[in-house]
């Protein structure tokens, strides 16, 4: 379990390749989750991300060929319409958020078979020009919890040669 870090708990940078980040619980992070600055051919699987502020995973423009599968992205929902944490509070330790995977001008990203529940905004958002991205067979429930508009769970912006399969 990786929790309450002073910055992003995991950062891959400087020509990282072939790394697997698996079977972690990343919780109560106030800056962000995992930041792939310069990583290629990596896999993120079987992780649980709960109450991570800003973003759960960011894949930057110098990263690609990433697979994200079998992960759970969630808030503090405990069943029967109840949450453990509060939505409106100034105490960050108590604030219930579910944040986004950010694809930032990246390419060759495969996102199948994840569970996104209770996201404050999108489950996945693409910034800039994302190429060769496949998003398929994911469960997205209770998305945009703090919005009055019905917005898509997956927003690739201006996708180019990408597939979004709901």
C-alpha atoms as a PDB file:
ATOM      1  CA  UNK A   1       0.000   0.000   0.000  1.00  0.00           C
ATOM      2  CA  UNK A   2       1.367   3.368  -1.050  1.00  0.00           C
ATOM      3  CA  UNK A   3      -0.468   6.259   0.578  1.00  0.00           C
ATOM      4  CA  UNK A   4      -0.266   9.904   1.611  1.00  0.00           C
ATOM      5  CA  UNK A   5       2.939  10.707  -0.277  1.00  0.00           C
ATOM      6  CA  UNK A   6       4.306  14.257  -0.441  1.00  0.00           C
ATOM      7  CA  UNK A   7       4.421  14.073  -4.245  1.00  0.00           C
ATOM      8  CA  UNK A   8       3.572  11.535  -6.922  1.00  0.00           C
ATOM      9  CA  UNK A   9       4.226   8.101  -5.365  1.00  0.00           C
ATOM     10  CA  UNK A  10       5.589   6.565  -8.602  1.00  0.00           C
ATOM     11  CA  UNK A  11       7.455   8.367 -11.399  1.00  0.00           C
ATOM     12  CA  UNK A  12       9.098   6.633 -14.352  1.00  0.00           C
ATOM     13  CA  UNK A  13      11.564   8.863 -16.207  1.00  0.00           C
ATOM     14  CA  UNK A  14      14.823   8.717 -18.180  1.00  0.00           C
ATOM     15  CA  UNK A  15      14.411   5.973 -20.769  1.00  0.00           C
ATOM     16  CA  UNK A  16      12.453   3.465 -18.652  1.00  0.00           C
ATOM     17  CA  UNK A  17      11.255   0.387 -20.526  1.00  0.00           C
ATOM     18  CA  UNK A  18       9.653  -2.976 -19.843  1.00  0.00           C
ATOM     19  CA  UNK A  19       8.561  -2.170 -16.282  1.00  0.00           C
ATOM     20  CA  UNK A  20       5.429  -3.654 -14.689  1.00  0.00           C
ATOM     21  CA  UNK A  21       3.622  -1.827 -11.904  1.00  0.00           C
ATOM     22  CA  UNK A  22       1.271  -4.397 -10.436  1.00  0.00           C
ATOM     23  CA  UNK A  23      -0.810  -5.294  -7.379  1.00  0.00           C
ATOM     24  CA  UNK A  24      -0.478  -2.008  -5.492  1.00  0.00           C
ATOM     25  CA  UNK A  25      -2.953   0.042  -3.529  1.00  0.00           C
ATOM     26  CA  UNK A  26      -2.335   3.715  -4.218  1.00  0.00           C
ATOM     27  CA  UNK A  27      -4.533   5.748  -1.901  1.00  0.00           C
ATOM     28  CA  UNK A  28      -5.021   9.193  -0.408  1.00  0.00           C
ATOM     29  CA  UNK A  29      -2.554  10.939  -2.708  1.00  0.00           C
ATOM     30  CA  UNK A  30      -2.920  14.725  -2.762  1.00  0.00           C
ATOM     31  CA  UNK A  31      -0.735  15.610  -5.745  1.00  0.00           C
ATOM     32  CA  UNK A  32      -1.213  12.742  -8.178  1.00  0.00           C
ATOM     33  CA  UNK A  33      -0.693   9.027  -8.665  1.00  0.00           C
ATOM     34  CA  UNK A  34       1.679   7.509 -11.206  1.00  0.00           C
ATOM     35  CA  UNK A  35       3.489   9.767 -13.685  1.00  0.00           C
ATOM     36  CA  UNK A  36       5.055   8.165 -16.740  1.00  0.00           C
ATOM     37  CA  UNK A  37       7.376  10.898 -18.011  1.00  0.00           C
ATOM     38  CA  UNK A  38       9.647   8.780 -20.216  1.00  0.00           C
ATOM     39  CA  UNK A  39       8.491   5.161 -20.170  1.00  0.00           C
ATOM     40  CA  UNK A  40       7.941   2.643 -22.963  1.00  0.00           C
ATOM     41  CA  UNK A  41       6.586  -0.890 -23.162  1.00  0.00           C
ATOM     42  CA  UNK A  42       5.326  -0.783 -19.581  1.00  0.00           C
ATOM     43  CA  UNK A  43       2.266  -2.390 -17.994  1.00  0.00           C
ATOM     44  CA  UNK A  44       0.058  -1.256 -15.131  1.00  0.00           C
ATOM     45  CA  UNK A  45      -2.162  -4.074 -13.953  1.00  0.00           C
ATOM     46  CA  UNK A  46      -4.175  -5.227 -10.927  1.00  0.00           C
ATOM     47  CA  UNK A  47      -3.693  -1.964  -9.019  1.00  0.00           C
ATOM     48  CA  UNK A  48      -6.288  -0.200  -6.894  1.00  0.00           C
ATOM     49  CA  UNK A  49      -6.364   3.594  -7.035  1.00  0.00           C
ATOM     50  CA  UNK A  50      -8.617   5.206  -4.432  1.00  0.00           C
ATOM     51  CA  UNK A  51      -8.965   8.877  -3.519  1.00  0.00           C
ATOM     52  CA  UNK A  52      -6.124  10.212  -5.647  1.00  0.00           C
ATOM     53  CA  UNK A  53      -6.274  13.964  -6.330  1.00  0.00           C
ATOM     54  CA  UNK A  54      -5.376  15.621  -9.688  1.00  0.00           C
ATOM     55  CA  UNK A  55      -4.807  12.407 -11.718  1.00  0.00           C
ATOM     56  CA  UNK A  56      -4.399   8.712 -11.008  1.00  0.00           C
ATOM     57  CA  UNK A  57      -2.109   8.135 -13.971  1.00  0.00           C
ATOM     58  CA  UNK A  58      -0.495  10.556 -16.399  1.00  0.00           C
ATOM     59  CA  UNK A  59       1.247   9.363 -19.537  1.00  0.00           C
ATOM     60  CA  UNK A  60       3.384  12.133 -21.006  1.00  0.00           C
ATOM     61  CA  UNK A  61       4.459  12.877 -24.569  1.00  0.00           C
ATOM     62  CA  UNK A  62       7.778  11.045 -24.150  1.00  0.00           C
ATOM     63  CA  UNK A  63       6.035   7.794 -23.165  1.00  0.00           C
ATOM     64  CA  UNK A  64       4.239   5.174 -25.222  1.00  0.00           C
ATOM     65  CA  UNK A  65       3.444   1.520 -25.826  1.00  0.00           C
ATOM     66  CA  UNK A  66       1.750   1.338 -22.423  1.00  0.00           C
ATOM     67  CA  UNK A  67      -0.891  -1.217 -21.343  1.00  0.00           C
ATOM     68  CA  UNK A  68      -3.273  -0.394 -18.500  1.00  0.00           C
ATOM     69  CA  UNK A  69      -5.459  -3.368 -17.619  1.00  0.00           C
ATOM     70  CA  UNK A  70      -7.344  -4.949 -14.740  1.00  0.00           C
ATOM     71  CA  UNK A  71      -7.124  -1.927 -12.429  1.00  0.00           C
ATOM     72  CA  UNK A  72      -9.754  -0.423 -10.146  1.00  0.00           C
ATOM     73  CA  UNK A  73     -10.140   3.365 -10.035  1.00  0.00           C
ATOM     74  CA  UNK A  74     -12.551   4.446  -7.309  1.00  0.00           C
ATOM     75  CA  UNK A  75     -13.710   6.771  -4.557  1.00  0.00           C
ATOM     76  CA  UNK A  76     -14.723   5.665  -1.056  1.00  0.00           C
ATOM     77  CA  UNK A  77     -18.099   4.122  -1.961  1.00  0.00           C
ATOM     78  CA  UNK A  78     -19.005   1.399   0.569  1.00  0.00           C
ATOM     79  CA  UNK A  79     -22.395   0.279  -0.770  1.00  0.00           C
ATOM     80  CA  UNK A  80     -26.044   1.185  -0.197  1.00  0.00           C
ATOM     81  CA  UNK A  81     -25.497   4.714  -1.560  1.00  0.00           C
ATOM     82  CA  UNK A  82     -22.917   5.565   1.123  1.00  0.00           C
ATOM     83  CA  UNK A  83     -19.326   6.796   0.990  1.00  0.00           C
ATOM     84  CA  UNK A  84     -16.694   6.684   3.718  1.00  0.00           C
ATOM     85  CA  UNK A  85     -15.306  10.146   2.871  1.00  0.00           C
ATOM     86  CA  UNK A  86     -16.982  13.533   2.301  1.00  0.00           C
ATOM     87  CA  UNK A  87     -17.394  15.258  -1.064  1.00  0.00           C
ATOM     88  CA  UNK A  88     -17.416  18.798   0.318  1.00  0.00           C
ATOM     89  CA  UNK A  89     -14.709  19.444   2.908  1.00  0.00           C
ATOM     90  CA  UNK A  90     -11.561  21.530   3.239  1.00  0.00           C
ATOM     91  CA  UNK A  91      -9.717  18.644   4.909  1.00  0.00           C
ATOM     92  CA  UNK A  92      -7.946  16.837   2.047  1.00  0.00           C
ATOM     93  CA  UNK A  93      -7.689  13.673   4.157  1.00  0.00           C
ATOM     94  CA  UNK A  94     -11.493  13.482   4.158  1.00  0.00           C
ATOM     95  CA  UNK A  95     -12.245  14.702   0.613  1.00  0.00           C
ATOM     96  CA  UNK A  96     -13.750  11.967  -1.584  1.00  0.00           C
ATOM     97  CA  UNK A  97     -12.419  12.210  -5.145  1.00  0.00           C
ATOM     98  CA  UNK A  98     -11.980   9.841  -8.047  1.00  0.00           C
ATOM     99  CA  UNK A  99      -9.709  11.257 -10.724  1.00  0.00           C
ATOM    100  CA  UNK A 100      -8.694  10.692 -14.265  1.00  0.00           C
ATOM    101  CA  UNK A 101      -6.129   8.942 -16.441  1.00  0.00           C
ATOM    102  CA  UNK A 102      -4.481  11.730 -18.438  1.00  0.00           C
ATOM    103  CA  UNK A 103      -3.060  10.908 -21.861  1.00  0.00           C
ATOM    104  CA  UNK A 104      -0.863  13.899 -22.711  1.00  0.00           C
ATOM    105  CA  UNK A 105       0.173  13.967 -26.393  1.00  0.00           C
ATOM    106  CA  UNK A 106       1.153  10.300 -26.207  1.00  0.00           C
ATOM    107  CA  UNK A 107       0.810   7.298 -28.497  1.00  0.00           C
ATOM    108  CA  UNK A 108       0.276   3.544 -28.542  1.00  0.00           C
ATOM    109  CA  UNK A 109      -1.791   3.222 -25.366  1.00  0.00           C
ATOM    110  CA  UNK A 110      -3.992   0.175 -24.684  1.00  0.00           C
ATOM    111  CA  UNK A 111      -6.638   0.508 -21.923  1.00  0.00           C
ATOM    112  CA  UNK A 112      -8.802  -2.647 -21.673  1.00  0.00           C
ATOM    113  CA  UNK A 113     -10.647  -4.286 -18.777  1.00  0.00           C
ATOM    114  CA  UNK A 114     -10.527  -1.689 -15.994  1.00  0.00           C
ATOM    115  CA  UNK A 115     -13.191  -0.557 -13.538  1.00  0.00           C
ATOM    116  CA  UNK A 116     -13.833   3.186 -13.188  1.00  0.00           C
ATOM    117  CA  UNK A 117     -16.352   4.031 -10.481  1.00  0.00           C
ATOM    118  CA  UNK A 118     -17.236   7.298  -8.813  1.00  0.00           C
ATOM    119  CA  UNK A 119     -15.035   9.465 -10.998  1.00  0.00           C
ATOM    120  CA  UNK A 120     -15.265  13.174 -10.221  1.00  0.00           C
ATOM    121  CA  UNK A 121     -14.806  13.896 -13.945  1.00  0.00           C
ATOM    122  CA  UNK A 122     -13.772  11.758 -16.937  1.00  0.00           C
ATOM    123  CA  UNK A 123     -12.322   8.292 -16.493  1.00  0.00           C
ATOM    124  CA  UNK A 124      -9.807   8.948 -19.300  1.00  0.00           C
ATOM    125  CA  UNK A 125      -9.007  12.263 -20.944  1.00  0.00           C
ATOM    126  CA  UNK A 126      -6.748  12.929 -23.909  1.00  0.00           C
ATOM    127  CA  UNK A 127      -4.853  16.189 -24.140  1.00  0.00           C
ATOM    128  CA  UNK A 128      -3.397  17.393 -27.395  1.00  0.00           C
ATOM    129  CA  UNK A 129      -2.739  14.872 -30.131  1.00  0.00           C
ATOM    130  CA  UNK A 130      -3.018  11.280 -28.836  1.00  0.00           C
ATOM    131  CA  UNK A 131      -2.348   8.581 -31.427  1.00  0.00           C
ATOM    132  CA  UNK A 132      -2.949   4.827 -31.591  1.00  0.00           C
ATOM    133  CA  UNK A 133      -5.036   4.623 -28.426  1.00  0.00           C
ATOM    134  CA  UNK A 134      -7.442   1.773 -27.773  1.00  0.00           C
ATOM    135  CA  UNK A 135      -9.953   1.984 -24.925  1.00  0.00           C
ATOM    136  CA  UNK A 136     -12.181  -1.086 -24.719  1.00  0.00           C
ATOM    137  CA  UNK A 137     -14.098  -3.419 -22.405  1.00  0.00           C
ATOM    138  CA  UNK A 138     -13.980  -1.126 -19.374  1.00  0.00           C
ATOM    139  CA  UNK A 139     -16.669  -0.659 -16.754  1.00  0.00           C
ATOM    140  CA  UNK A 140     -17.501   3.002 -16.111  1.00  0.00           C
ATOM    141  CA  UNK A 141     -20.138   3.738 -13.484  1.00  0.00           C
ATOM    142  CA  UNK A 142     -21.050   6.844 -11.511  1.00  0.00           C
ATOM    143  CA  UNK A 143     -18.941   9.136 -13.714  1.00  0.00           C
ATOM    144  CA  UNK A 144     -18.867  12.963 -13.441  1.00  0.00           C
ATOM    145  CA  UNK A 145     -20.181  12.846  -9.878  1.00  0.00           C
ATOM    146  CA  UNK A 146     -19.824  16.603  -9.398  1.00  0.00           C
ATOM    147  CA  UNK A 147     -21.364  17.660 -12.717  1.00  0.00           C
ATOM    148  CA  UNK A 148     -24.955  18.389 -13.616  1.00  0.00           C
ATOM    149  CA  UNK A 149     -24.274  17.518 -17.277  1.00  0.00           C
ATOM    150  CA  UNK A 150     -24.181  14.001 -18.668  1.00  0.00           C
ATOM    151  CA  UNK A 151     -20.668  13.841 -20.110  1.00  0.00           C
ATOM    152  CA  UNK A 152     -18.750  10.927 -21.644  1.00  0.00           C
ATOM    153  CA  UNK A 153     -16.586   8.754 -19.412  1.00  0.00           C
ATOM    154  CA  UNK A 154     -13.825   8.614 -22.031  1.00  0.00           C
ATOM    155  CA  UNK A 155     -12.786  11.832 -23.769  1.00  0.00           C
ATOM    156  CA  UNK A 156      -9.852  11.608 -26.140  1.00  0.00           C
ATOM    157  CA  UNK A 157     -10.325  15.187 -27.326  1.00  0.00           C
ATOM    158  CA  UNK A 158      -9.168  15.146 -30.923  1.00  0.00           C
ATOM    159  CA  UNK A 159      -8.157  11.496 -31.368  1.00  0.00           C
ATOM    160  CA  UNK A 160      -6.087  10.503 -34.371  1.00  0.00           C
ATOM    161  CA  UNK A 161      -5.960   6.868 -35.407  1.00  0.00           C
ATOM    162  CA  UNK A 162      -7.524   5.836 -32.101  1.00  0.00           C
ATOM    163  CA  UNK A 163     -10.379   3.510 -31.169  1.00  0.00           C
ATOM    164  CA  UNK A 164     -12.799   4.213 -28.392  1.00  0.00           C
ATOM    165  CA  UNK A 165     -14.934   1.141 -27.848  1.00  0.00           C
ATOM    166  CA  UNK A 166     -17.406   1.523 -25.029  1.00  0.00           C
END
